[in-house]
Amino acid sequence: MKKYIYQLLMIAVLMTMAPGCSKSRLDLVDQSAYAYETYFNNTTALNQATVASYATLLHPGLWAREYYYIFDLMGHDAKRASFLLGAEQELGDYSFGTNNANLSSLWLSLYRMIFRTNLVIDRAAAWNPTATVDRAKLNQYLAEVKFLRAYAYFHLVVLWGDVPLYIDYQTTLNNNYLSRSPAADVWKQIEKDLTEAQATAELPTVYPTAELGRATKGAVTALLGKVYLYQKKWGPAQTELEKLMGAPYTYKLDVSYDNVFSTTNQNTPENIFQIMNQQWTDWAIGSPYYMFGNGAEQVGKQTHSGRAMEYGFNDNWKNVYISNAAVKAFTYTHPVTGLPYTDPRAKSTFYGTAASGGETVFCQQCPGGVKNYPFDAADPQGDYRWKKYEYYHLVEKYGDPKSPINGQVIRLADVMLMLAEAQIQQNNTGNAPLALIDSVRSRSGAFLYTSLGDKTNAMNILMRERQLELCGEQSRYFDLLRWGIIKQTINAEKAAEPGTGTQPFQDKHLLFPIPDAEKNYNPNVAKAINNGWN
C-alpha cells in the first residue's frame, strides 16, 4: 500500500479547485481529466480512493502526531515536560476548551475519513461492475472503507456522544448541516458497517507484504468485538473476540514484548491492525516534519511518526515524561509472598532507575557501545522517560522526527485481555480468563496467577494488566472512561504527581467539547450544545 501514499488520489485538491474553474469559450471537456462522474469506474481508481481513505489516519489529530499526545496525556500514561506548551499542555492539565487545536483536528480528520469512505461507497454503487474480478476487488474495497468508517464513528461516539451521522456521499453534498444523532443510532451504524464488512467473502485474512496495513477480516472482527465490549454487550463481544483465537486466523503473541514496538514491528505475528510508518530515504519529496502540516498527501511522500523524537530524551525534544503514576503501577503486591513485586514489562516501557524496574542503559547496538541512562535524581518531576516506541538501542540520537515504528491500533494481547474481560463480566473467573491473562504475562516473564478470585478481584487484576501491557498505546483513557472510574482515577493520580497537586478532571470532561469550528459551521449542531461544551 505504501506505493500509493505519495500519489493519493487528488480528490480533495480537485474538488476544492473545481468551483474556481470556468469553461473555455469552446466548452471543450478534457476526457483524460479526473472527474467525479467518470473517473471512479475501474478497480485502479477505486483502490486509489480507498487508499486515500486510509491516508486520513496520518492527518492532524490522528496517528502521525496528535493522537498519541491526546490520549497518553489525558489517560495520564504521560505527563508534559516544560518544553510542551499550547494545545498539548492543555490536554495534560485538562484546561482545554472548545478551541483546542488537537481536539478540533481529531474531529475534523475523523469526518474527513468518513467523507472519503462515503465517496468510495457512492462511486462503487454507481459503477456496479459485472466482471467477476472487478466485483471481487470492489467488494474488498467496500469492506475496507466500512471498517474505516466504523473506526471513525467509534471515536466520535465514545468521545463526543451524540454526533452528526453522515452515511452517504450525496447527503454530504446536499445537506452538510446534519443535526446530532443519538449515540445509540451511531452505535447501530458502527455495528452495521462492521458486520457487513465481516461478511464480505473477498476481504482477506492476510495480505501480501506490499499491501500490509490494509484492514483484514481479523481487524474487522477485533473492532466489532471491541464495539460490543464498549456497549457492555458481553456475550456478543466474547463471541467475536474468540474468533480471533483460532483458524482461519494465525495470530500469536510475539516471542518478545520489545519486538512489538521495534523498527521491524510490521512483521510481528501479534499485529491485527497497525498504522504503517516508514523511515523514507527520498528526502527530495516531502518533509520529515510533515506531521505538523496536513498529512502525507499535501506535502509529499512521508508516512512516519514523530513520536520517538518528541518523547525522546537524549538531546531530542523531551516533550513528555512517563507519569510517576504509571511508573508506580509496575510495582505491586505479589499475591503469594505479599511482598512488592516489580513487573518485568517496566524495563521495556521506560528508562529510569534499577529500583523502579526501568531500563538503565541504552545504545546497546551503537558503534560507540553501551551508555548509561542519565537519570536526573534531582529532577522534581521524576526523570522517567519513555522506552516503548523508541529505538535508542540502535542510535544515540535521532536527528529528525521520522520514526519508522508502526503504531499499534489493535494487537493480539489487547484482544486477549478484552476477551478475558468479557468473560469476567459474565461472572466467569475460572480457567478461561485466567489462561488468557497468564498467557499475556508469560510472554514477558511475569509471575503467573493461579486464581483470579471473585469477580471484583478478577476485574482489578484485569484492569492492572491492561494498564501495564498497553501502557503508552493510547488505551488507558478509553479504558478508564468505559469502566466509569476516570474522574476519581485521574484526580487521585494528578493530586499525587510531583509538581502538580491538582484534581483537574470535572464532570464535563466525560465528553469532549464540540469544537468551535463545527459550531461555527453547522448551526444545527451549535443549537444542540449545552453550556457551551457538549
Protein backbone atom coordinates (compact mmCIF):
# COMPACT_ATOMS: atom_id res chain seq x y z
CA MET A 1 0.00 0.00 0.00
CA LYS A 2 2.98 2.31 0.53
CA LYS A 3 3.50 2.97 -3.15
CA TYR A 4 0.20 4.82 -3.33
CA ILE A 5 0.75 7.16 -0.40
CA TYR A 6 2.69 9.81 -2.30
CA GLN A 7 0.12 9.94 -5.14
CA LEU A 8 -3.01 9.69 -3.02
CA LEU A 9 -5.92 10.38 -5.34
CA MET A 10 -6.26 14.09 -5.97
CA ILE A 11 -9.85 14.01 -4.71
CA ALA A 12 -9.66 16.81 -2.20
CA VAL A 13 -7.48 19.01 -4.39
CA LEU A 14 -9.70 18.57 -7.40
CA MET A 15 -12.89 19.16 -5.52
CA THR A 16 -11.58 22.36 -4.00
CA MET A 17 -10.30 23.57 -7.36
CA ALA A 18 -13.44 22.80 -9.32
CA PRO A 19 -15.63 25.72 -8.23
CA GLY A 20 -12.99 28.22 -9.31
CA CYS A 21 -12.62 26.78 -12.81
CA SER A 22 -14.50 28.15 -15.79
CA LYS A 23 -15.38 26.52 -19.09
CA SER A 24 -13.45 27.58 -22.11
CA ARG A 25 -15.12 29.54 -24.85
CA LEU A 26 -15.37 26.37 -26.90
CA ASP A 27 -16.83 24.42 -23.96
CA LEU A 28 -14.40 21.56 -24.54
CA VAL A 29 -14.01 18.81 -21.91
CA ASP A 30 -10.69 17.08 -21.31
CA GLN A 31 -11.72 13.43 -21.34
CA SER A 32 -8.50 12.40 -19.60
CA ALA A 33 -9.05 14.69 -16.60
CA TYR A 34 -10.13 13.44 -13.17
CA ALA A 35 -13.90 13.81 -12.77
CA TYR A 36 -16.36 12.56 -10.17
CA GLU A 37 -18.78 11.21 -12.79
CA THR A 38 -16.27 9.34 -14.96
CA TYR A 39 -13.08 8.60 -13.02
CA PHE A 40 -14.25 6.02 -10.49
CA ASN A 41 -15.22 3.29 -12.90
CA ASN A 42 -12.37 0.81 -12.54
CA THR A 43 -10.57 -1.03 -9.77
CA THR A 44 -7.46 1.14 -10.03
CA ALA A 45 -9.43 4.31 -9.33
CA LEU A 46 -11.46 2.72 -6.53
CA ASN A 47 -8.26 1.42 -4.99
CA GLN A 48 -6.78 4.91 -5.05
CA ALA A 49 -9.90 6.24 -3.35
CA THR A 50 -9.66 3.51 -0.72
CA VAL A 51 -6.01 4.27 -0.06
CA ALA A 52 -6.92 7.96 0.22
CA SER A 53 -9.33 6.96 2.98
CA TYR A 54 -6.51 5.24 4.87
CA ALA A 55 -4.38 8.35 4.38
CA THR A 56 -6.51 10.29 6.84
CA LEU A 57 -5.08 8.10 9.61
CA LEU A 58 -1.97 10.27 9.20
CA HIS A 59 -3.79 13.60 9.18
CA PRO A 60 -3.76 16.16 12.04
CA GLY A 61 -5.32 14.85 15.22
CA LEU A 62 -4.57 11.28 14.30
CA TRP A 63 -1.61 8.93 14.21
CA ALA A 64 1.23 10.96 12.69
CA ARG A 65 1.35 13.10 15.81
CA GLU A 66 -1.57 14.42 17.88
CA TYR A 67 -3.29 11.11 18.65
CA TYR A 68 -0.55 9.91 20.98
CA TYR A 69 -0.44 13.24 22.78
CA ILE A 70 -4.20 13.42 23.28
CA PHE A 71 -4.66 10.00 24.79
CA ASP A 72 -1.32 9.47 26.54
CA LEU A 73 -1.67 12.83 28.32
CA MET A 74 -5.38 12.60 29.07
CA GLY A 75 -5.05 8.98 30.19
CA HIS A 76 -2.08 10.03 32.35
CA ASP A 77 0.29 7.47 30.91
CA ALA A 78 2.39 10.52 30.01
CA LYS A 79 2.79 13.94 31.58
CA ARG A 80 4.09 17.10 29.95
CA ALA A 81 7.62 18.34 30.37
CA SER A 82 8.48 22.03 30.35
CA PHE A 83 9.02 22.07 26.57
CA LEU A 84 5.43 21.05 25.85
CA LEU A 85 3.20 24.11 25.59
CA GLY A 86 -0.01 25.26 23.94
CA ALA A 87 -2.70 22.78 22.96
CA GLU A 88 -0.76 19.79 24.29
CA GLN A 89 -0.22 21.42 27.68
CA GLU A 90 -3.98 21.96 27.93
CA LEU A 91 -4.57 18.26 27.43
CA GLY A 92 -2.31 17.23 30.26
CA ASP A 93 -3.89 19.52 32.83
CA TYR A 94 -7.46 19.33 31.47
CA SER A 95 -7.58 23.09 30.91
CA PHE A 96 -8.61 22.77 27.27
CA GLY A 97 -11.69 24.43 25.88
CA THR A 98 -13.75 24.32 22.71
CA ASN A 99 -10.90 25.80 20.67
CA ASN A 100 -8.21 23.23 21.50
CA ALA A 101 -6.36 22.65 18.22
CA ASN A 102 -5.65 18.95 18.81
CA LEU A 103 -9.21 18.00 19.64
CA SER A 104 -10.52 20.10 16.75
CA SER A 105 -8.11 18.38 14.38
CA LEU A 106 -9.19 14.96 15.64
CA TRP A 107 -12.86 15.78 14.97
CA LEU A 108 -12.14 17.18 11.52
CA SER A 109 -9.91 14.32 10.42
CA LEU A 110 -12.41 11.70 11.58
CA TYR A 111 -15.10 13.37 9.50
CA ARG A 112 -12.69 13.68 6.59
CA MET A 113 -12.21 9.92 6.81
CA ILE A 114 -15.98 9.47 6.80
CA PHE A 115 -16.34 11.77 3.79
CA ARG A 116 -13.80 9.78 1.79
CA THR A 117 -15.24 6.40 2.72
CA ASN A 118 -18.70 7.63 1.74
CA LEU A 119 -17.31 8.67 -1.63
CA VAL A 120 -15.93 5.18 -2.24
CA ILE A 121 -19.25 3.59 -1.32
CA ASP A 122 -21.14 6.03 -3.56
CA ARG A 123 -18.95 5.51 -6.61
CA ALA A 124 -18.80 1.74 -6.16
CA ALA A 125 -22.59 1.61 -6.30
CA ALA A 126 -22.66 3.82 -9.40
CA TRP A 127 -20.09 1.69 -11.21
CA ASN A 128 -21.56 -1.69 -10.20
CA PRO A 129 -19.30 -3.89 -12.39
CA THR A 130 -20.37 -7.29 -13.66
CA ALA A 131 -16.92 -8.82 -14.27
CA THR A 132 -16.06 -11.31 -11.51
CA VAL A 133 -12.57 -9.94 -10.91
CA ASP A 134 -13.79 -6.36 -10.72
CA ARG A 135 -16.68 -7.27 -8.44
CA ALA A 136 -14.34 -9.12 -6.07
CA LYS A 137 -11.98 -6.17 -5.75
CA LEU A 138 -14.84 -3.73 -5.36
CA ASN A 139 -16.32 -5.84 -2.54
CA GLN A 140 -12.93 -5.89 -0.82
CA TYR A 141 -12.60 -2.12 -1.02
CA LEU A 142 -16.13 -1.63 0.29
CA ALA A 143 -15.36 -3.82 3.30
CA GLU A 144 -12.18 -1.85 3.98
CA VAL A 145 -13.84 1.55 3.91
CA LYS A 146 -16.71 0.32 6.08
CA PHE A 147 -14.09 -0.70 8.63
CA LEU A 148 -12.56 2.78 8.44
CA ARG A 149 -15.93 4.49 8.70
CA ALA A 150 -16.72 2.38 11.77
CA TYR A 151 -13.32 3.25 13.24
CA ALA A 152 -14.06 6.95 12.79
CA TYR A 153 -17.54 6.79 14.25
CA PHE A 154 -16.31 4.65 17.16
CA HIS A 155 -14.05 7.51 18.21
CA LEU A 156 -16.71 10.14 17.64
CA VAL A 157 -19.41 8.41 19.67
CA VAL A 158 -17.12 7.39 22.54
CA LEU A 159 -15.51 10.81 22.84
CA TRP A 160 -18.34 13.18 21.89
CA GLY A 161 -21.54 11.15 22.35
CA ASP A 162 -24.31 12.37 20.01
CA VAL A 163 -22.74 13.37 16.68
CA PRO A 164 -23.90 14.05 13.10
CA LEU A 165 -24.27 10.76 11.25
CA TYR A 166 -23.27 11.04 7.60
CA ILE A 167 -23.61 7.66 5.90
CA ASP A 168 -23.78 8.58 2.24
CA TYR A 169 -21.89 10.93 -0.01
CA GLN A 170 -24.92 12.63 -1.53
CA THR A 171 -26.16 13.74 1.87
CA THR A 172 -22.81 15.36 2.49
CA LEU A 173 -23.11 17.27 -0.78
CA ASN A 174 -26.75 18.26 -0.47
CA ASN A 175 -27.27 18.64 3.28
CA ASN A 176 -23.99 19.18 5.06
CA TYR A 177 -25.66 20.58 8.19
CA LEU A 178 -27.00 17.45 9.84
CA SER A 179 -28.14 17.60 13.42
CA ARG A 180 -26.57 15.37 16.04
CA SER A 181 -27.85 11.79 16.01
CA PRO A 182 -28.38 9.94 19.29
CA ALA A 183 -25.38 7.89 20.34
CA ALA A 184 -27.50 4.73 20.13
CA ASP A 185 -28.02 5.31 16.40
CA VAL A 186 -24.31 5.86 15.86
CA TRP A 187 -23.50 2.58 17.63
CA LYS A 188 -26.05 0.79 15.41
CA GLN A 189 -24.38 2.16 12.28
CA ILE A 190 -20.96 1.07 13.52
CA GLU A 191 -22.23 -2.46 14.13
CA LYS A 192 -23.89 -2.49 10.70
CA ASP A 193 -20.72 -1.43 8.90
CA LEU A 194 -18.58 -3.98 10.70
CA THR A 195 -20.99 -6.92 10.34
CA GLU A 196 -21.33 -6.19 6.62
CA ALA A 197 -17.56 -5.92 6.23
CA GLN A 198 -17.01 -9.12 8.20
CA ALA A 199 -19.46 -10.99 5.97
CA THR A 200 -17.56 -9.96 2.82
CA ALA A 201 -16.01 -13.12 1.41
CA GLU A 202 -13.46 -11.14 -0.61
CA LEU A 203 -11.95 -9.41 2.45
CA PRO A 204 -8.65 -11.24 3.09
CA THR A 205 -7.43 -12.60 6.40
CA VAL A 206 -3.87 -11.74 5.32
CA TYR A 207 -2.31 -9.51 2.66
CA PRO A 208 0.92 -9.79 0.70
CA THR A 209 3.81 -7.71 2.00
CA ALA A 210 3.20 -4.91 -0.49
CA GLU A 211 -0.30 -4.38 0.93
CA LEU A 212 0.40 -4.59 4.64
CA GLY A 213 -1.55 -2.01 6.59
CA ARG A 214 -4.90 -2.67 4.96
CA ALA A 215 -7.76 -3.84 7.15
CA THR A 216 -8.15 -7.62 7.25
CA LYS A 217 -11.14 -9.68 8.28
CA GLY A 218 -9.36 -10.10 11.60
CA ALA A 219 -9.15 -6.34 12.09
CA VAL A 220 -12.87 -6.02 11.37
CA THR A 221 -13.68 -8.79 13.83
CA ALA A 222 -11.46 -7.31 16.53
CA LEU A 223 -13.06 -3.87 16.19
CA LEU A 224 -16.54 -5.41 16.23
CA GLY A 225 -15.71 -7.28 19.44
CA LYS A 226 -14.37 -4.06 20.93
CA VAL A 227 -17.53 -2.19 19.91
CA TYR A 228 -19.69 -4.77 21.70
CA LEU A 229 -17.44 -4.62 24.76
CA TYR A 230 -17.78 -0.84 24.99
CA GLN A 231 -21.56 -1.20 24.94
CA LYS A 232 -21.39 -3.87 27.66
CA LYS A 233 -22.72 -6.50 25.28
CA TRP A 234 -20.52 -9.09 26.92
CA GLY A 235 -21.84 -12.19 25.13
CA PRO A 236 -21.51 -10.84 21.58
CA ALA A 237 -18.11 -9.37 22.50
CA GLN A 238 -16.90 -12.78 23.66
CA THR A 239 -18.25 -14.44 20.50
CA GLU A 240 -16.39 -12.08 18.19
CA LEU A 241 -13.12 -11.95 20.10
CA GLU A 242 -12.97 -15.73 20.42
CA LYS A 243 -12.98 -16.00 16.62
CA LEU A 244 -9.51 -14.46 16.55
CA MET A 245 -8.02 -17.19 18.72
CA GLY A 246 -8.07 -19.88 16.03
CA ALA A 247 -8.43 -20.71 12.33
CA PRO A 248 -8.59 -19.12 9.84
CA TYR A 249 -6.53 -16.64 11.87
CA THR A 250 -2.91 -17.33 12.76
CA TYR A 251 -2.26 -14.54 15.25
CA LYS A 252 0.05 -15.33 18.14
CA LEU A 253 1.88 -13.39 20.80
CA ASP A 254 5.32 -12.29 19.68
CA VAL A 255 8.12 -14.12 21.48
CA SER A 256 9.46 -10.75 22.60
CA TYR A 257 7.47 -7.85 24.02
CA ASP A 258 10.11 -5.45 22.70
CA ASN A 259 9.65 -6.74 19.14
CA VAL A 260 6.09 -5.43 19.12
CA PHE A 261 7.42 -1.86 19.31
CA SER A 262 10.61 -2.22 17.29
CA THR A 263 11.65 -0.79 13.93
CA THR A 264 10.66 -4.11 12.32
CA ASN A 265 7.31 -4.48 14.05
CA GLN A 266 5.27 -4.54 10.85
CA ASN A 267 6.09 -8.26 10.75
CA THR A 268 5.06 -9.20 14.28
CA PRO A 269 2.56 -12.10 14.37
CA GLU A 270 0.72 -10.17 17.07
CA ASN A 271 -0.35 -7.40 14.72
CA ILE A 272 -4.05 -7.16 13.90
CA PHE A 273 -4.19 -3.56 12.68
CA GLN A 274 -1.27 -1.13 12.57
CA ILE A 275 -0.55 2.37 11.35
CA MET A 276 2.15 1.85 8.75
CA ASN A 277 5.17 4.08 9.30
CA GLN A 278 8.37 4.01 7.30
CA GLN A 279 11.59 5.98 7.51
CA TRP A 280 11.71 7.28 3.96
CA THR A 281 15.11 7.99 2.44
CA ASP A 282 13.92 10.05 -0.51
CA TRP A 283 14.10 13.49 1.10
CA ALA A 284 13.68 15.18 -2.28
CA ILE A 285 9.96 14.51 -1.80
CA GLY A 286 8.15 15.88 1.18
CA SER A 287 9.47 16.80 4.59
CA PRO A 288 10.39 14.86 7.74
CA TYR A 289 8.23 17.40 9.59
CA TYR A 290 5.08 16.61 7.62
CA MET A 291 3.13 15.77 10.79
CA PHE A 292 2.98 19.49 11.57
CA GLY A 293 1.10 20.08 8.31
CA ASN A 294 -1.82 18.42 6.62
CA GLY A 295 -0.75 14.84 6.09
CA ALA A 296 1.36 12.95 3.62
CA GLU A 297 -0.64 13.76 0.51
CA GLN A 298 -0.27 17.52 0.93
CA VAL A 299 3.49 17.63 1.38
CA GLY A 300 4.74 14.53 -0.39
CA LYS A 301 5.90 11.05 0.39
CA GLN A 302 6.06 10.90 4.17
CA THR A 303 4.49 8.22 6.33
CA HIS A 304 6.30 8.11 9.62
CA SER A 305 5.73 9.08 13.23
CA GLY A 306 7.21 11.93 15.23
CA ARG A 307 6.68 10.08 18.49
CA ALA A 308 10.22 8.77 19.03
CA MET A 309 11.75 12.24 18.70
CA GLU A 310 9.04 14.03 20.67
CA TYR A 311 9.04 11.53 23.53
CA GLY A 312 12.82 11.07 23.34
CA PHE A 313 15.35 12.11 25.97
CA ASN A 314 18.87 12.24 24.55
CA ASP A 315 19.26 15.72 23.04
CA ASN A 316 15.90 15.15 21.44
CA TRP A 317 12.70 17.05 22.15
CA LYS A 318 11.94 15.76 25.66
CA ASN A 319 8.31 16.85 25.43
CA VAL A 320 6.94 14.34 27.94
CA TYR A 321 7.81 12.06 30.80
CA ILE A 322 6.11 8.79 31.57
CA SER A 323 3.95 9.72 34.55
CA ASN A 324 5.05 8.78 38.04
CA ALA A 325 1.69 7.08 38.48
CA ALA A 326 2.41 4.82 35.52
CA VAL A 327 5.88 4.02 36.83
CA LYS A 328 4.50 3.12 40.26
CA ALA A 329 1.85 0.86 38.73
CA PHE A 330 4.56 -1.56 37.60
CA THR A 331 5.32 -2.36 41.26
CA TYR A 332 2.50 -4.14 43.04
CA THR A 333 1.96 -6.81 45.70
CA HIS A 334 2.80 -10.41 44.83
CA PRO A 335 -0.33 -12.42 45.70
CA VAL A 336 1.66 -15.31 47.18
CA THR A 337 4.52 -13.66 49.04
CA GLY A 338 2.69 -10.45 49.94
CA LEU A 339 5.86 -8.54 49.05
CA PRO A 340 6.32 -5.74 46.50
CA TYR A 341 6.86 -7.15 43.01
CA THR A 342 8.20 -5.21 40.01
CA ASP A 343 6.72 -6.30 36.71
CA PRO A 344 9.36 -7.09 34.04
CA ARG A 345 7.48 -5.03 31.46
CA ALA A 346 8.73 -1.94 33.28
CA LYS A 347 12.12 -2.42 31.66
CA SER A 348 10.51 -2.45 28.22
CA THR A 349 8.34 0.57 28.89
CA PHE A 350 10.52 3.29 30.42
CA TYR A 351 14.04 4.41 31.24
CA GLY A 352 14.66 5.05 34.91
CA THR A 353 16.37 3.51 37.91
CA ALA A 354 17.07 -0.09 38.78
CA ALA A 355 14.83 0.28 41.82
CA SER A 356 11.88 1.32 39.63
CA GLY A 357 12.40 -1.60 37.26
CA GLY A 358 13.08 0.72 34.33
CA GLU A 359 15.82 0.30 31.74
CA THR A 360 19.10 1.85 32.91
CA VAL A 361 21.22 1.63 29.73
CA PHE A 362 20.83 2.42 26.04
CA CYS A 363 22.81 2.32 22.80
CA GLN A 364 23.36 -1.43 23.11
CA GLN A 365 23.93 -1.72 19.35
CA CYS A 366 25.56 1.66 18.71
CA PRO A 367 29.12 1.85 17.32
CA GLY A 368 30.29 3.63 20.46
CA GLY A 369 28.95 0.98 22.81
CA VAL A 370 26.51 0.88 25.69
CA LYS A 371 25.73 4.08 27.62
CA ASN A 372 24.09 4.63 30.98
CA TYR A 373 20.73 6.33 31.01
CA PRO A 374 21.45 9.75 32.61
CA PHE A 375 18.73 9.63 35.24
CA ASP A 376 18.46 13.01 36.99
CA ALA A 377 17.67 12.26 40.61
CA ALA A 378 17.25 15.98 41.29
CA ASP A 379 14.52 16.41 38.68
CA PRO A 380 11.42 17.40 40.70
CA GLN A 381 9.19 15.78 38.08
CA GLY A 382 10.92 12.41 38.37
CA ASP A 383 13.16 11.73 35.40
CA TYR A 384 11.43 8.67 33.95
CA ARG A 385 11.38 8.71 30.14
CA TRP A 386 9.77 6.51 27.53
CA LYS A 387 11.50 3.46 26.11
CA LYS A 388 8.45 1.97 24.41
CA TYR A 389 8.30 3.04 20.74
CA GLU A 390 11.88 4.34 20.99
CA TYR A 391 14.94 2.88 19.24
CA TYR A 392 17.82 4.13 21.36
CA HIS A 393 19.31 0.67 21.35
CA LEU A 394 20.27 1.33 17.71
CA VAL A 395 21.26 5.00 17.70
CA GLU A 396 22.35 7.52 20.29
CA LYS A 397 20.37 10.40 18.75
CA TYR A 398 17.68 10.59 16.08
CA GLY A 399 18.34 13.79 14.15
CA ASP A 400 14.88 14.12 12.58
CA PRO A 401 11.34 13.18 13.73
CA LYS A 402 11.00 10.24 11.37
CA SER A 403 10.38 7.11 13.40
CA PRO A 404 9.64 4.02 11.29
CA ILE A 405 7.99 2.12 14.16
CA ASN A 406 4.41 1.23 13.26
CA GLY A 407 1.64 2.37 15.57
CA GLN A 408 -0.27 -0.47 17.24
CA VAL A 409 -4.02 0.06 16.90
CA ILE A 410 -5.22 -3.46 17.75
CA ARG A 411 -2.91 -6.32 18.64
CA LEU A 412 -3.49 -9.82 19.96
CA ALA A 413 -2.60 -9.12 23.60
CA ASP A 414 -5.22 -6.37 23.62
CA VAL A 415 -7.78 -8.78 22.15
CA MET A 416 -6.92 -11.47 24.69
CA LEU A 417 -7.42 -9.08 27.57
CA MET A 418 -10.70 -7.80 26.13
CA LEU A 419 -11.85 -11.40 25.78
CA ALA A 420 -10.89 -12.13 29.38
CA GLU A 421 -12.82 -9.04 30.45
CA ALA A 422 -15.93 -10.13 28.56
CA GLN A 423 -15.76 -13.49 30.32
CA ILE A 424 -15.20 -11.98 33.76
CA GLN A 425 -18.11 -9.59 33.29
CA GLN A 426 -20.29 -12.64 32.73
CA ASN A 427 -19.15 -13.99 36.12
CA ASN A 428 -16.66 -16.43 34.65
CA THR A 429 -13.49 -16.04 36.69
CA GLY A 430 -12.23 -19.55 36.06
CA ASN A 431 -9.69 -21.18 33.81
CA ALA A 432 -10.63 -19.42 30.54
CA PRO A 433 -9.89 -15.80 31.55
CA LEU A 434 -7.05 -16.98 33.80
CA ALA A 435 -5.32 -18.65 30.85
CA LEU A 436 -5.68 -15.53 28.69
CA ILE A 437 -4.22 -13.22 31.34
CA ASP A 438 -1.41 -15.63 32.19
CA SER A 439 -0.51 -16.07 28.52
CA VAL A 440 -0.01 -12.33 28.16
CA ARG A 441 2.04 -12.21 31.37
CA SER A 442 4.11 -15.28 30.50
CA ARG A 443 5.49 -13.68 27.35
CA SER A 444 7.29 -11.03 29.40
CA GLY A 445 8.34 -13.36 32.21
CA ALA A 446 5.91 -12.05 34.83
CA PHE A 447 4.68 -14.42 37.53
CA LEU A 448 1.53 -16.39 36.69
CA TYR A 449 -1.68 -16.23 38.66
CA THR A 450 -3.15 -19.48 39.94
CA SER A 451 -6.58 -17.97 40.55
CA LEU A 452 -8.43 -14.76 39.73
CA GLY A 453 -10.65 -14.91 42.79
CA ASP A 454 -14.12 -13.40 42.71
CA LYS A 455 -15.41 -11.03 40.03
CA THR A 456 -14.22 -7.88 41.82
CA ASN A 457 -10.72 -9.23 42.31
CA ALA A 458 -10.60 -10.58 38.78
CA MET A 459 -11.56 -7.18 37.35
CA ASN A 460 -8.89 -5.48 39.47
CA ILE A 461 -6.29 -7.86 38.05
CA LEU A 462 -7.62 -7.31 34.52
CA MET A 463 -7.56 -3.53 34.89
CA ARG A 464 -3.96 -3.53 36.08
CA GLU A 465 -2.99 -5.95 33.35
CA ARG A 466 -4.35 -3.63 30.67
CA GLN A 467 -2.59 -0.66 32.26
CA LEU A 468 0.80 -2.39 32.23
CA GLU A 469 0.59 -4.31 28.97
CA LEU A 470 -0.85 -1.41 26.96
CA CYS A 471 0.93 1.49 28.65
CA GLY A 472 1.65 4.24 26.12
CA GLU A 473 -0.64 2.71 23.49
CA GLN A 474 -3.43 5.27 23.88
CA SER A 475 -5.66 2.70 25.54
CA ARG A 476 -5.93 3.77 29.17
CA TYR A 477 -8.06 6.87 28.62
CA PHE A 478 -10.67 4.77 26.82
CA ASP A 479 -10.47 2.02 29.45
CA LEU A 480 -10.96 4.37 32.39
CA LEU A 481 -13.80 6.12 30.59
CA ARG A 482 -15.78 2.95 29.84
CA TRP A 483 -15.14 1.49 33.29
CA GLY A 484 -16.66 4.63 34.79
CA ILE A 485 -13.67 5.38 37.01
CA ILE A 486 -11.85 8.06 35.05
CA LYS A 487 -12.67 11.04 37.26
CA GLN A 488 -11.55 9.52 40.56
CA THR A 489 -8.53 7.82 38.98
CA ILE A 490 -7.14 10.83 37.13
CA ASN A 491 -7.76 13.19 40.03
CA ALA A 492 -6.11 10.87 42.55
CA GLU A 493 -3.07 10.37 40.34
CA LYS A 494 -2.73 14.04 39.47
CA ALA A 495 -3.01 15.05 43.11
CA ALA A 496 -0.10 12.76 43.96
CA GLU A 497 2.06 13.74 40.99
CA PRO A 498 5.19 15.78 41.87
CA GLY A 499 4.76 19.43 40.88
CA THR A 500 1.05 19.02 40.13
CA GLY A 501 -1.10 18.54 43.19
CA THR A 502 -4.37 19.28 41.38
CA GLN A 503 -7.60 17.42 40.68
CA PRO A 504 -8.43 18.75 37.20
CA PHE A 505 -11.00 16.25 35.92
CA GLN A 506 -14.53 17.67 36.04
CA ASP A 507 -17.81 16.01 35.17
CA LYS A 508 -17.92 17.90 31.86
CA HIS A 509 -14.75 16.10 30.76
CA LEU A 510 -16.65 12.82 30.41
CA LEU A 511 -17.28 14.06 26.86
CA PHE A 512 -15.01 16.17 24.70
CA PRO A 513 -16.24 19.68 23.87
CA ILE A 514 -17.77 20.16 20.44
CA PRO A 515 -15.09 22.13 18.54
CA ASP A 516 -15.70 25.78 17.74
CA ALA A 517 -15.01 25.02 14.08
CA GLU A 518 -18.00 22.68 13.97
CA LYS A 519 -20.28 25.02 15.90
CA ASN A 520 -19.40 27.91 13.62
CA TYR A 521 -20.00 25.81 10.52
CA ASN A 522 -23.09 23.80 11.44
CA PRO A 523 -25.93 25.74 13.11
CA ASN A 524 -27.88 22.53 13.76
CA VAL A 525 -25.05 21.21 15.90
CA ALA A 526 -24.47 24.56 17.59
CA LYS A 527 -28.06 24.87 18.82
CA ALA A 528 -27.96 21.44 20.47
CA ILE A 529 -24.95 22.18 22.70
CA ASN A 530 -25.40 22.62 26.44
CA ASN A 531 -23.37 25.11 28.46
CA GLY A 532 -21.10 25.88 25.54
CA TRP A 533 -19.37 22.49 25.92
CA ASN A 534 -21.20 19.46 24.58
